[in-house]
Amino acid sequence: MQRRQFIRIAGGGVIFAATAALPGCAYVPPPEAIAPWRGPGDESDLRRWVLSYAILAPHSHNLQSWLVDLSHPDEIILRCDRRRLLPETDPFSRQIMMSHGTFLELLDLAARERGLRAQITLFPEGEYDAQEIDDRPVAHIRLVPDAAVRRDPLFADILNRRTNRSLYELQRPVPDAAWQAMAAAVAPHPLRFGFVGADRADLLQQHRRIAAEAWRIELVTPRTIMESYRVLRVGADEIARHRDGLALTDPLVVLLNYVGLLDLSKAPAPDSYATTSQLKDFGEKLDSTPGFLWLVSEGNGRRVQIDAGRAYVRVQLAATSYSVAMQPISQALQEYPEQAGPYAEIHRLLGAPQPAHTVQMWARVGYAPAVPPAPRRGLDAHILRA
């Protein structure tokens, strides 16, 4: 007899679902959603060539809020698409600015590969204040031929970089050589790199505890979990249509969505299956994690945030060269009121006293099964039209 189980869906309802495996459930990303990861090919416009790598940068919630103006020859003007912000979990757009830093770093690496120096002028019309961002440009970029420019070996792993949210291999610690490569990758930018590995079980447990509590807070705070729900792309059709946001490919959830039984219009209750199952799942991932890393800055101005993003993507590329997986765990670093407790705890644990210092990035690190790349909207979606 076919076994059945109760499944509680986001709105609190209950249905029966067969536990038998669904045919064709292995996740294969829609080809159009990951086409940019094949690289620019024989693109003849050097600006478009370097930008084809820049749009592969990591971005909060995979929102890809980069807009580029190519209307002036030999120039790139980078702006922020303010329709793609995270006002609940990132109220001051710190993470959005970091995501523009990751973009600029990959642009710079790609330019170097073609013997070009990327002259990057940040905030050419003035720097944003600490509370919000506006329509002024983030950066003005000129690509200048320069025989003295040196290629950066980190470029080789841009197409291989992934954010990996899987269970990690707890019994396989990150080797010293990989930690050293990650630390060295930060050097061009003024951030302090730190890490804890498998040899410090006591510290690992403190990291896990803070991360778990911060995740719980985000899940049970209706406005913050709904911010994620609004950019959740369930199944291949939605992923192909949007090519951004958070991809959800669990076969049962996709089926529920297909038949109209997945309710993402309201936040689930704290004791619902939707909440408790996510807490359990994330707890297991934290428990499987053999290492954590962090980046700490002095100050927290917009230029500092850009530098933090540039440093982070360099760290991730260095890790990729050692086949080391990485996932940012940003909840405890977010500046909304409910996270004040974990925010203070992680700053104390990492020796980053406020307000002089800010923990800009915190990530779990280890070895994990390979995952496909995140969806990307393609270069043309980022180019401003007259």
Protein backbone atom coordinates (compact mmCIF):
# COMPACT_ATOMS: atom_id res chain seq x y z
CA MET A 1 0.00 0.00 0.00
CA GLN A 2 1.33 3.47 -0.88
CA ARG A 3 2.55 5.31 2.22
CA ARG A 4 1.29 8.88 2.62
CA GLN A 5 2.25 11.77 4.86
CA PHE A 6 0.75 15.07 5.90
CA ILE A 7 2.36 18.11 4.32
CA ARG A 8 1.70 21.51 5.84
CA ILE A 9 1.99 24.25 3.26
CA ALA A 10 2.91 27.88 3.77
CA GLY A 11 -0.59 29.19 4.43
CA GLY A 12 -1.16 26.62 7.16
CA GLY A 13 -3.28 24.14 5.21
CA VAL A 14 -2.71 20.40 5.18
CA ILE A 15 -2.78 17.98 2.26
CA PHE A 16 -1.87 14.35 1.68
CA ALA A 17 1.21 13.77 -0.44
CA ALA A 18 2.56 10.47 -1.70
CA THR A 19 6.11 9.73 -0.64
CA ALA A 20 6.86 7.83 -3.83
CA ALA A 21 9.58 9.48 -5.89
CA LEU A 22 8.33 11.72 -8.66
CA PRO A 23 9.73 10.99 -12.11
CA GLY A 24 12.21 13.46 -13.52
CA CYS A 25 12.80 15.22 -10.20
CA ALA A 26 16.53 15.86 -10.47
CA TYR A 27 17.05 19.60 -10.81
CA VAL A 28 18.48 20.69 -14.13
CA PRO A 29 18.48 24.49 -14.52
CA PRO A 30 16.59 25.85 -17.53
CA PRO A 31 19.24 26.43 -20.23
CA GLU A 32 18.21 30.05 -20.81
CA ALA A 33 18.60 30.82 -17.09
CA ILE A 34 22.24 29.76 -16.96
CA ALA A 35 23.35 30.64 -20.50
CA PRO A 36 25.46 33.62 -19.24
CA TRP A 37 27.68 31.16 -17.38
CA ARG A 38 29.07 30.00 -20.72
CA GLY A 39 30.94 33.31 -20.95
CA PRO A 40 30.86 36.10 -23.56
CA GLY A 41 32.11 34.03 -26.47
CA ASP A 42 33.39 36.15 -29.35
CA GLU A 43 31.81 39.40 -28.12
CA SER A 44 33.66 42.17 -29.98
CA ASP A 45 32.72 45.14 -27.75
CA LEU A 46 35.26 45.10 -24.92
CA ARG A 47 32.82 46.77 -22.55
CA ARG A 48 30.23 44.07 -23.15
CA TRP A 49 32.93 41.41 -22.87
CA VAL A 50 34.01 42.47 -19.38
CA LEU A 51 30.43 43.10 -18.29
CA SER A 52 29.51 39.55 -19.30
CA TYR A 53 31.76 38.41 -16.47
CA ALA A 54 30.70 41.13 -14.03
CA ILE A 55 27.04 40.02 -14.10
CA LEU A 56 28.11 36.63 -12.75
CA ALA A 57 29.00 38.22 -9.41
CA PRO A 58 27.24 37.11 -6.22
CA HIS A 59 24.35 39.34 -5.15
CA SER A 60 22.07 39.39 -2.09
CA HIS A 61 18.97 37.28 -2.76
CA ASN A 62 20.33 37.01 -6.32
CA LEU A 63 18.49 40.23 -7.18
CA GLN A 64 21.10 41.45 -9.70
CA SER A 65 20.43 45.16 -9.13
CA TRP A 66 23.12 46.32 -11.56
CA LEU A 67 22.30 48.81 -14.32
CA VAL A 68 24.91 49.99 -16.80
CA ASP A 69 24.84 52.97 -19.13
CA LEU A 70 26.90 52.46 -22.30
CA SER A 71 25.67 55.56 -24.11
CA HIS A 72 29.08 57.27 -24.03
CA PRO A 73 31.86 55.63 -26.07
CA ASP A 74 34.60 53.93 -24.05
CA GLU A 75 32.73 54.50 -20.78
CA ILE A 76 30.61 52.43 -18.41
CA ILE A 77 28.40 54.09 -15.83
CA LEU A 78 27.18 51.73 -13.12
CA ARG A 79 23.91 52.52 -11.37
CA CYS A 80 21.74 50.68 -8.87
CA ASP A 81 18.28 49.49 -9.85
CA ARG A 82 16.37 50.73 -6.84
CA ARG A 83 13.44 48.49 -7.74
CA ARG A 84 15.66 45.61 -6.64
CA LEU A 85 16.39 46.40 -3.00
CA LEU A 86 15.75 44.58 0.28
CA PRO A 87 14.22 47.23 2.54
CA GLU A 88 13.24 44.80 5.31
CA THR A 89 16.38 42.68 5.74
CA ASP A 90 18.85 45.22 4.35
CA PRO A 91 17.27 48.52 5.41
CA PHE A 92 20.37 50.64 4.75
CA SER A 93 21.34 48.78 1.53
CA ARG A 94 24.72 47.74 2.94
CA GLN A 95 24.47 44.34 1.27
CA ILE A 96 23.29 45.90 -1.98
CA MET A 97 26.42 48.07 -2.03
CA MET A 98 28.57 45.02 -1.32
CA SER A 99 26.89 43.35 -4.29
CA HIS A 100 27.98 46.27 -6.44
CA GLY A 101 31.48 45.70 -5.12
CA THR A 102 31.43 42.07 -6.26
CA PHE A 103 30.34 43.30 -9.71
CA LEU A 104 33.19 45.81 -9.93
CA GLU A 105 35.77 43.26 -8.85
CA LEU A 106 34.79 40.77 -11.54
CA LEU A 107 34.75 43.60 -14.07
CA ASP A 108 38.29 44.53 -13.02
CA LEU A 109 39.50 40.92 -13.26
CA ALA A 110 38.00 40.56 -16.74
CA ALA A 111 39.53 43.85 -17.89
CA ARG A 112 42.96 42.69 -16.75
CA GLU A 113 42.53 39.53 -18.76
CA ARG A 114 42.30 41.69 -21.90
CA GLY A 115 45.24 43.94 -21.02
CA LEU A 116 43.00 46.76 -19.85
CA ARG A 117 43.15 48.87 -16.73
CA ALA A 118 39.73 49.56 -15.29
CA GLN A 119 39.76 53.16 -14.08
CA ILE A 120 36.99 53.01 -11.50
CA THR A 121 35.76 56.27 -9.97
CA LEU A 122 33.31 55.57 -7.18
CA PHE A 123 30.32 57.84 -6.64
CA PRO A 124 31.36 60.42 -9.24
CA GLU A 125 28.39 62.64 -8.33
CA GLY A 126 28.76 62.16 -4.59
CA GLU A 127 28.59 59.31 -2.09
CA TYR A 128 25.28 58.09 -0.72
CA ASP A 129 24.53 58.79 2.92
CA ALA A 130 24.42 56.02 5.53
CA GLN A 131 20.64 55.57 5.48
CA GLU A 132 19.64 55.19 1.86
CA ILE A 133 20.79 55.18 -1.73
CA ASP A 134 19.53 57.35 -4.57
CA ASP A 135 19.71 57.66 -8.36
CA ARG A 136 23.26 58.97 -8.53
CA PRO A 137 25.75 56.56 -10.16
CA VAL A 138 27.70 54.04 -8.12
CA ALA A 139 30.75 54.19 -10.38
CA HIS A 140 32.20 55.59 -13.58
CA ILE A 141 34.52 53.19 -15.40
CA ARG A 142 36.94 53.66 -18.27
CA LEU A 143 38.82 50.74 -19.83
CA VAL A 144 42.32 51.89 -20.71
CA PRO A 145 44.88 49.74 -22.60
CA ASP A 146 47.91 49.33 -20.35
CA ALA A 147 50.85 47.02 -21.09
CA ALA A 148 51.77 47.09 -17.41
CA VAL A 149 48.50 45.51 -16.29
CA ARG A 150 48.97 42.06 -14.82
CA ARG A 151 46.43 39.28 -15.20
CA ASP A 152 44.97 37.95 -11.98
CA PRO A 153 44.80 34.13 -11.63
CA LEU A 154 41.46 34.46 -9.83
CA PHE A 155 39.86 35.23 -13.21
CA ALA A 156 40.13 31.55 -14.16
CA ASP A 157 37.42 30.55 -11.68
CA ILE A 158 34.76 33.17 -12.40
CA LEU A 159 32.71 30.73 -14.49
CA ASN A 160 33.14 28.02 -11.82
CA ARG A 161 32.09 30.10 -8.80
CA ARG A 162 28.98 28.90 -6.97
CA THR A 163 27.13 29.66 -3.75
CA ASN A 164 26.61 26.23 -2.23
CA ARG A 165 23.76 25.81 0.30
CA SER A 166 24.15 22.03 0.62
CA LEU A 167 25.18 19.89 3.55
CA TYR A 168 28.96 20.03 3.86
CA GLU A 169 31.40 17.22 4.70
CA LEU A 170 32.03 17.70 8.41
CA GLN A 171 34.86 15.17 8.53
CA ARG A 172 36.74 16.87 5.70
CA PRO A 173 38.34 20.04 7.06
CA VAL A 174 39.39 22.94 4.87
CA PRO A 175 43.17 22.64 4.35
CA ASP A 176 45.58 25.29 5.57
CA ALA A 177 46.63 26.07 2.00
CA ALA A 178 43.06 27.00 1.09
CA TRP A 179 42.67 29.26 4.13
CA GLN A 180 45.96 30.93 3.27
CA ALA A 181 44.88 31.49 -0.34
CA MET A 182 41.61 33.04 0.83
CA ALA A 183 43.44 35.33 3.25
CA ALA A 184 45.89 36.40 0.54
CA ALA A 185 43.04 37.17 -1.86
CA VAL A 186 41.78 39.95 0.44
CA ALA A 187 45.08 41.85 0.26
CA PRO A 188 44.11 44.47 -2.38
CA HIS A 189 41.26 45.71 -0.17
CA PRO A 190 41.39 47.04 3.42
CA LEU A 191 39.38 44.31 5.19
CA ARG A 192 40.42 42.01 8.03
CA PHE A 193 40.04 38.33 7.15
CA GLY A 194 39.42 35.75 9.86
CA PHE A 195 38.42 32.11 10.01
CA VAL A 196 37.79 29.21 12.34
CA GLY A 197 38.34 25.63 11.29
CA ALA A 198 37.64 22.10 12.45
CA ASP A 199 40.36 22.25 15.13
CA ARG A 200 38.25 24.66 17.22
CA ALA A 201 35.06 22.76 17.97
CA ASP A 202 34.16 25.17 20.78
CA LEU A 203 34.26 28.22 18.50
CA LEU A 204 32.46 26.39 15.70
CA GLN A 205 29.60 25.73 18.07
CA GLN A 206 29.35 29.40 19.00
CA HIS A 207 29.15 30.33 15.31
CA ARG A 208 26.45 27.73 14.71
CA ARG A 209 24.39 28.89 17.66
CA ILE A 210 24.39 32.56 16.60
CA ALA A 211 23.65 31.67 12.97
CA ALA A 212 20.76 29.40 13.94
CA GLU A 213 19.14 32.02 16.16
CA ALA A 214 19.50 34.72 13.51
CA TRP A 215 17.90 32.43 10.94
CA ARG A 216 15.03 31.67 13.33
CA ILE A 217 14.40 35.39 13.81
CA GLU A 218 14.24 36.00 10.07
CA LEU A 219 11.83 33.10 9.56
CA VAL A 220 9.39 34.11 12.30
CA THR A 221 9.38 37.84 11.52
CA PRO A 222 6.57 38.16 8.96
CA ARG A 223 7.88 41.14 7.02
CA THR A 224 11.38 39.63 6.59
CA ILE A 225 10.29 36.17 5.50
CA MET A 226 7.79 37.74 3.10
CA GLU A 227 10.62 39.69 1.52
CA SER A 228 12.20 36.36 0.57
CA TYR A 229 8.88 34.90 -0.55
CA ARG A 230 8.43 37.77 -3.00
CA VAL A 231 11.59 36.77 -4.88
CA LEU A 232 11.09 33.00 -4.57
CA ARG A 233 11.08 31.28 -7.97
CA VAL A 234 9.42 27.87 -7.69
CA GLY A 235 10.23 25.35 -10.39
CA ALA A 236 11.84 25.52 -13.81
CA ASP A 237 9.14 27.67 -15.45
CA GLU A 238 9.41 30.48 -12.89
CA ILE A 239 13.19 30.25 -12.83
CA ALA A 240 13.33 30.56 -16.62
CA ARG A 241 10.85 33.46 -16.63
CA HIS A 242 12.59 35.57 -13.98
CA ARG A 243 16.21 34.33 -13.99
CA ASP A 244 16.84 36.01 -10.65
CA GLY A 245 15.85 35.64 -7.01
CA LEU A 246 15.86 32.49 -4.89
CA ALA A 247 15.36 29.26 -6.81
CA LEU A 248 13.24 26.56 -5.14
CA THR A 249 13.29 23.21 -6.90
CA ASP A 250 12.13 20.67 -4.32
CA PRO A 251 9.90 18.34 -6.38
CA LEU A 252 7.03 18.23 -3.88
CA VAL A 253 6.97 22.01 -3.44
CA VAL A 254 7.06 22.48 -7.20
CA LEU A 255 4.11 20.10 -7.55
CA LEU A 256 2.13 21.95 -4.88
CA ASN A 257 2.80 25.22 -6.67
CA TYR A 258 1.77 23.76 -10.01
CA VAL A 259 -1.61 22.62 -8.70
CA GLY A 260 -2.19 25.88 -6.83
CA LEU A 261 -1.75 24.58 -3.29
CA LEU A 262 1.38 26.51 -2.35
CA ASP A 263 0.41 29.73 -0.61
CA LEU A 264 3.18 32.31 -0.60
CA SER A 265 0.87 35.25 0.02
CA LYS A 266 1.30 35.30 3.81
CA ALA A 267 3.92 34.38 6.36
CA PRO A 268 3.67 30.91 7.91
CA ALA A 269 3.11 30.58 11.65
CA PRO A 270 6.22 30.05 13.83
CA ASP A 271 5.07 26.51 14.67
CA SER A 272 4.05 25.57 11.11
CA TYR A 273 5.76 22.85 9.14
CA ALA A 274 7.01 25.50 6.69
CA THR A 275 8.94 27.15 9.55
CA THR A 276 10.02 24.20 11.66
CA SER A 277 11.24 22.20 8.66
CA GLN A 278 13.40 25.10 7.49
CA LEU A 279 14.85 25.52 10.98
CA LYS A 280 15.67 21.81 11.10
CA ASP A 281 17.17 21.85 7.61
CA PHE A 282 19.38 24.88 8.30
CA GLY A 283 20.44 23.46 11.67
CA GLU A 284 21.63 20.30 9.96
CA LYS A 285 23.59 22.35 7.45
CA LEU A 286 25.24 24.35 10.22
CA ASP A 287 26.10 21.16 12.10
CA SER A 288 27.76 19.81 8.94
CA THR A 289 29.95 22.90 8.54
CA PRO A 290 33.66 22.45 9.35
CA GLY A 291 34.63 26.12 9.04
CA PHE A 292 33.48 29.73 9.00
CA LEU A 293 35.14 32.86 7.64
CA TRP A 294 34.50 36.56 8.10
CA LEU A 295 35.51 39.97 6.83
CA VAL A 296 35.66 42.97 9.17
CA SER A 297 36.04 46.59 8.15
CA GLU A 298 36.95 49.77 9.94
CA GLY A 299 33.99 52.05 9.46
CA ASN A 300 30.95 51.33 7.34
CA GLY A 301 30.77 54.01 4.64
CA ARG A 302 29.63 53.26 1.14
CA ARG A 303 33.18 52.97 -0.22
CA VAL A 304 33.99 50.55 2.57
CA GLN A 305 30.97 48.45 1.64
CA ILE A 306 32.10 48.39 -2.00
CA ASP A 307 35.56 47.26 -0.87
CA ALA A 308 33.98 44.55 1.27
CA GLY A 309 32.12 43.14 -1.73
CA ARG A 310 35.27 43.22 -3.82
CA ALA A 311 37.21 41.40 -1.10
CA TYR A 312 34.49 38.80 -0.60
CA VAL A 313 34.24 37.70 -4.22
CA ARG A 314 38.03 37.40 -4.33
CA VAL A 315 37.89 35.14 -1.28
CA GLN A 316 35.22 33.01 -2.92
CA LEU A 317 37.21 32.70 -6.14
CA ALA A 318 40.28 31.65 -4.17
CA ALA A 319 38.19 29.02 -2.37
CA THR A 320 36.79 27.82 -5.70
CA SER A 321 40.31 27.17 -6.95
CA TYR A 322 40.61 24.60 -4.11
CA SER A 323 37.12 23.18 -4.79
CA VAL A 324 36.01 24.61 -1.43
CA ALA A 325 32.31 25.49 -1.14
CA MET A 326 30.95 28.64 0.50
CA GLN A 327 27.61 30.11 1.58
CA PRO A 328 27.13 33.56 3.12
CA ILE A 329 25.08 33.54 6.33
CA SER A 330 23.99 37.13 6.44
CA GLN A 331 21.07 37.14 8.88
CA ALA A 332 23.05 38.08 12.00
CA LEU A 333 24.73 40.93 10.10
CA GLN A 334 21.48 42.59 9.12
CA GLU A 335 20.52 45.89 10.72
CA TYR A 336 16.80 45.54 11.38
CA PRO A 337 15.67 45.76 15.03
CA GLU A 338 14.78 42.12 15.65
CA GLN A 339 18.35 41.04 14.82
CA ALA A 340 19.97 43.33 17.40
CA GLY A 341 20.87 40.44 19.69
CA PRO A 342 22.65 38.19 17.15
CA TYR A 343 24.18 41.28 15.54
CA ALA A 344 25.82 42.29 18.82
CA GLU A 345 26.88 38.70 19.56
CA ILE A 346 28.65 38.09 16.28
CA HIS A 347 30.45 41.42 16.50
CA ARG A 348 31.70 40.51 19.99
CA LEU A 349 32.71 37.00 18.95
CA LEU A 350 34.70 38.28 15.97
CA GLY A 351 36.42 41.12 17.84
CA ALA A 352 34.66 43.87 15.90
CA PRO A 353 33.58 46.46 18.46
CA GLN A 354 30.91 48.88 17.28
CA PRO A 355 30.71 51.51 15.94
CA ALA A 356 34.32 51.56 14.83
CA HIS A 357 34.14 48.15 13.12
CA THR A 358 31.58 46.27 11.06
CA VAL A 359 31.36 42.58 10.21
CA GLN A 360 30.67 42.86 6.50
CA MET A 361 30.64 39.17 5.61
CA TRP A 362 30.23 35.88 7.43
CA ALA A 363 30.11 32.55 5.59
CA ARG A 364 30.12 28.82 6.14
CA VAL A 365 32.94 27.02 4.37
CA GLY A 366 33.66 23.38 3.55
CA TYR A 367 33.48 20.66 0.93
CA ALA A 368 30.15 19.75 -0.63
CA PRO A 369 28.66 18.11 -3.73
CA ALA A 370 28.74 20.30 -6.80
CA VAL A 371 25.69 22.49 -7.48
CA PRO A 372 24.56 24.24 -10.68
CA PRO A 373 25.08 27.97 -11.16
CA ALA A 374 22.51 30.53 -10.05
CA PRO A 375 20.16 31.93 -12.69
CA ARG A 376 21.24 35.11 -14.46
CA ARG A 377 19.13 37.57 -16.46
CA GLY A 378 21.74 38.12 -19.16
CA LEU A 379 23.73 41.23 -20.02
CA ASP A 380 21.07 42.99 -22.08
CA ALA A 381 18.71 43.04 -19.09
CA HIS A 382 21.23 45.27 -17.28
CA ILE A 383 21.83 47.84 -20.00
CA LEU A 384 19.99 51.13 -19.72
CA ARG A 385 18.12 52.13 -22.86
CA ALA A 386 17.76 55.70 -24.04
